[in-house]
Amino acid sequence: MLLKEHRFKFFLGVETYLFTIEELVTGLAGWPDRFRIKLAASKGSEAKTFYGPSCYDVAEKAARYIVINSPHSALGLATHWPAEPSPPRQLLQQQRRQN
């Protein structure tokens, strides 16, 4: 199995989250989609894995989950996502790695 990593930063208030999204390049993994992110369990939420057709789609799913389960979720929802079904794209920044 060959994986490629994509990194995003997500900002919620004063907190910054670094997402590492895996892309299945070759091999059999039994994933329902090509991209996934695994979020570790925290004090307020259980461990969660998200899959999607693009790395950005997966990052948005993870960001939405964090906002909903954040102790400051009312602030996050009011400030960052007024009536949109997904977080505004400027809240997610893709990290470019130089090799």
C-alpha atoms as a PDB file:
ATOM      1  CA  MET A   1       0.000   0.000   0.000  1.00  0.00           C
ATOM      2  CA  LEU A   2       1.360   3.418  -1.012  1.00  0.00           C
ATOM      3  CA  LEU A   3       0.039   6.536   0.733  1.00  0.00           C
ATOM      4  CA  LYS A   4       0.570  10.206  -0.009  1.00  0.00           C
ATOM      5  CA  GLU A   5       0.067  12.806   2.727  1.00  0.00           C
ATOM      6  CA  HIS A   6      -1.651  16.182   2.418  1.00  0.00           C
ATOM      7  CA  ARG A   7      -1.476  18.683   5.277  1.00  0.00           C
ATOM      8  CA  PHE A   8      -3.951  21.389   6.215  1.00  0.00           C
ATOM      9  CA  LYS A   9      -4.183  23.874   9.063  1.00  0.00           C
ATOM     10  CA  PHE A  10      -7.590  24.615  10.522  1.00  0.00           C
ATOM     11  CA  PHE A  11      -8.229  27.608  12.786  1.00  0.00           C
ATOM     12  CA  LEU A  12     -11.024  27.680  15.364  1.00  0.00           C
ATOM     13  CA  GLY A  13     -10.846  30.797  17.484  1.00  0.00           C
ATOM     14  CA  VAL A  14      -7.330  30.871  18.917  1.00  0.00           C
ATOM     15  CA  GLU A  15      -6.788  27.136  18.404  1.00  0.00           C
ATOM     16  CA  THR A  16      -4.905  25.733  15.404  1.00  0.00           C
ATOM     17  CA  TYR A  17      -5.329  22.142  14.220  1.00  0.00           C
ATOM     18  CA  LEU A  18      -2.952  20.386  11.835  1.00  0.00           C
ATOM     19  CA  PHE A  19      -4.676  17.796   9.653  1.00  0.00           C
ATOM     20  CA  THR A  20      -2.699  15.037   7.928  1.00  0.00           C
ATOM     21  CA  ILE A  21      -4.855  13.509   5.227  1.00  0.00           C
ATOM     22  CA  GLU A  22      -3.828  10.247   3.606  1.00  0.00           C
ATOM     23  CA  GLU A  23      -4.368   9.549  -0.073  1.00  0.00           C
ATOM     24  CA  LEU A  24      -4.435   5.926  -1.172  1.00  0.00           C
ATOM     25  CA  VAL A  25      -2.178   5.898  -4.253  1.00  0.00           C
ATOM     26  CA  THR A  26      -1.839   2.137  -4.793  1.00  0.00           C
ATOM     27  CA  GLY A  27      -2.744  -1.000  -2.937  1.00  0.00           C
ATOM     28  CA  LEU A  28      -5.774  -2.534  -1.316  1.00  0.00           C
ATOM     29  CA  ALA A  29      -6.976  -0.884   1.851  1.00  0.00           C
ATOM     30  CA  GLY A  30     -10.747  -1.361   1.776  1.00  0.00           C
ATOM     31  CA  TRP A  31     -11.390   2.367   2.012  1.00  0.00           C
ATOM     32  CA  PRO A  32     -14.737   3.618   0.706  1.00  0.00           C
ATOM     33  CA  ASP A  33     -13.012   6.641  -0.920  1.00  0.00           C
ATOM     34  CA  ARG A  34      -9.498   7.614  -1.974  1.00  0.00           C
ATOM     35  CA  PHE A  35      -8.762  10.059   0.896  1.00  0.00           C
ATOM     36  CA  ARG A  36      -9.043   9.696   4.667  1.00  0.00           C
ATOM     37  CA  ILE A  37      -8.229  11.444   7.914  1.00  0.00           C
ATOM     38  CA  LYS A  38      -8.160   9.816  11.325  1.00  0.00           C
ATOM     39  CA  LEU A  39      -8.892  12.100  14.272  1.00  0.00           C
ATOM     40  CA  ALA A  40      -7.709  10.896  17.674  1.00  0.00           C
ATOM     41  CA  ALA A  41     -10.071  10.770  20.616  1.00  0.00           C
ATOM     42  CA  SER A  42     -10.081  13.812  22.865  1.00  0.00           C
ATOM     43  CA  LYS A  43     -11.697  14.804  26.135  1.00  0.00           C
ATOM     44  CA  GLY A  44     -14.894  15.912  24.430  1.00  0.00           C
ATOM     45  CA  SER A  45     -15.127  13.477  21.507  1.00  0.00           C
ATOM     46  CA  GLU A  46     -14.421   9.949  20.347  1.00  0.00           C
ATOM     47  CA  ALA A  47     -11.897   8.895  17.691  1.00  0.00           C
ATOM     48  CA  LYS A  48     -13.278   9.377  14.202  1.00  0.00           C
ATOM     49  CA  THR A  49     -12.218   8.541  10.627  1.00  0.00           C
ATOM     50  CA  PHE A  50     -13.506  10.483   7.625  1.00  0.00           C
ATOM     51  CA  TYR A  51     -13.286   9.451   3.972  1.00  0.00           C
ATOM     52  CA  GLY A  52     -13.915  11.458   0.837  1.00  0.00           C
ATOM     53  CA  PRO A  53     -13.256  11.892  -2.885  1.00  0.00           C
ATOM     54  CA  SER A  54     -10.756  14.753  -2.373  1.00  0.00           C
ATOM     55  CA  CYS A  55      -8.357  15.840   0.353  1.00  0.00           C
ATOM     56  CA  TYR A  56     -10.185  19.156   0.694  1.00  0.00           C
ATOM     57  CA  ASP A  57     -13.532  17.418   1.130  1.00  0.00           C
ATOM     58  CA  VAL A  58     -12.077  15.272   3.931  1.00  0.00           C
ATOM     59  CA  ALA A  59     -10.505  18.330   5.610  1.00  0.00           C
ATOM     60  CA  GLU A  60     -13.893  20.076   5.571  1.00  0.00           C
ATOM     61  CA  LYS A  61     -15.602  17.054   7.150  1.00  0.00           C
ATOM     62  CA  ALA A  62     -12.987  16.932   9.914  1.00  0.00           C
ATOM     63  CA  ALA A  63     -13.232  20.698  10.514  1.00  0.00           C
ATOM     64  CA  ARG A  64     -17.021  20.508  10.752  1.00  0.00           C
ATOM     65  CA  TYR A  65     -16.759  17.652  13.257  1.00  0.00           C
ATOM     66  CA  ILE A  66     -14.290  19.603  15.407  1.00  0.00           C
ATOM     67  CA  VAL A  67     -16.477  22.704  15.430  1.00  0.00           C
ATOM     68  CA  ILE A  68     -19.595  20.758  16.384  1.00  0.00           C
ATOM     69  CA  ASN A  69     -17.759  18.943  19.209  1.00  0.00           C
ATOM     70  CA  SER A  70     -15.806  21.964  20.425  1.00  0.00           C
ATOM     71  CA  PRO A  71     -16.603  23.384  23.859  1.00  0.00           C
ATOM     72  CA  HIS A  72     -16.740  26.721  22.034  1.00  0.00           C
ATOM     73  CA  SER A  73     -19.032  25.360  19.323  1.00  0.00           C
ATOM     74  CA  ALA A  74     -21.533  28.196  19.631  1.00  0.00           C
ATOM     75  CA  LEU A  75     -18.743  30.712  19.022  1.00  0.00           C
ATOM     76  CA  GLY A  76     -17.311  28.625  16.188  1.00  0.00           C
ATOM     77  CA  LEU A  77     -20.642  28.191  14.462  1.00  0.00           C
ATOM     78  CA  ALA A  78     -21.623  31.840  14.839  1.00  0.00           C
ATOM     79  CA  THR A  79     -18.285  33.246  13.762  1.00  0.00           C
ATOM     80  CA  HIS A  80     -17.026  30.776  11.197  1.00  0.00           C
ATOM     81  CA  TRP A  81     -20.044  29.292   9.563  1.00  0.00           C
ATOM     82  CA  PRO A  82     -23.039  31.543   9.324  1.00  0.00           C
ATOM     83  CA  ALA A  83     -25.486  29.753   7.027  1.00  0.00           C
ATOM     84  CA  GLU A  84     -23.129  27.670   4.947  1.00  0.00           C
ATOM     85  CA  PRO A  85     -23.296  23.875   4.882  1.00  0.00           C
ATOM     86  CA  SER A  86     -19.485  23.630   5.098  1.00  0.00           C
ATOM     87  CA  PRO A  87     -16.732  25.724   6.688  1.00  0.00           C
ATOM     88  CA  PRO A  88     -15.505  28.684   4.659  1.00  0.00           C
ATOM     89  CA  ARG A  89     -12.520  27.652   2.586  1.00  0.00           C
ATOM     90  CA  GLN A  90     -10.281  30.399   3.977  1.00  0.00           C
ATOM     91  CA  LEU A  91     -10.335  28.645   7.377  1.00  0.00           C
ATOM     92  CA  LEU A  92      -8.482  25.663   5.900  1.00  0.00           C
ATOM     93  CA  GLN A  93      -4.972  26.291   4.652  1.00  0.00           C
ATOM     94  CA  GLN A  94      -3.122  23.616   2.760  1.00  0.00           C
ATOM     95  CA  GLN A  95       0.470  23.195   3.874  1.00  0.00           C
ATOM     96  CA  ARG A  96       2.984  22.833   1.048  1.00  0.00           C
ATOM     97  CA  ARG A  97       6.030  20.692   1.777  1.00  0.00           C
ATOM     98  CA  GLN A  98       9.288  21.221  -0.030  1.00  0.00           C
ATOM     99  CA  ASN A  99      11.277  18.060  -0.762  1.00  0.00           C
END
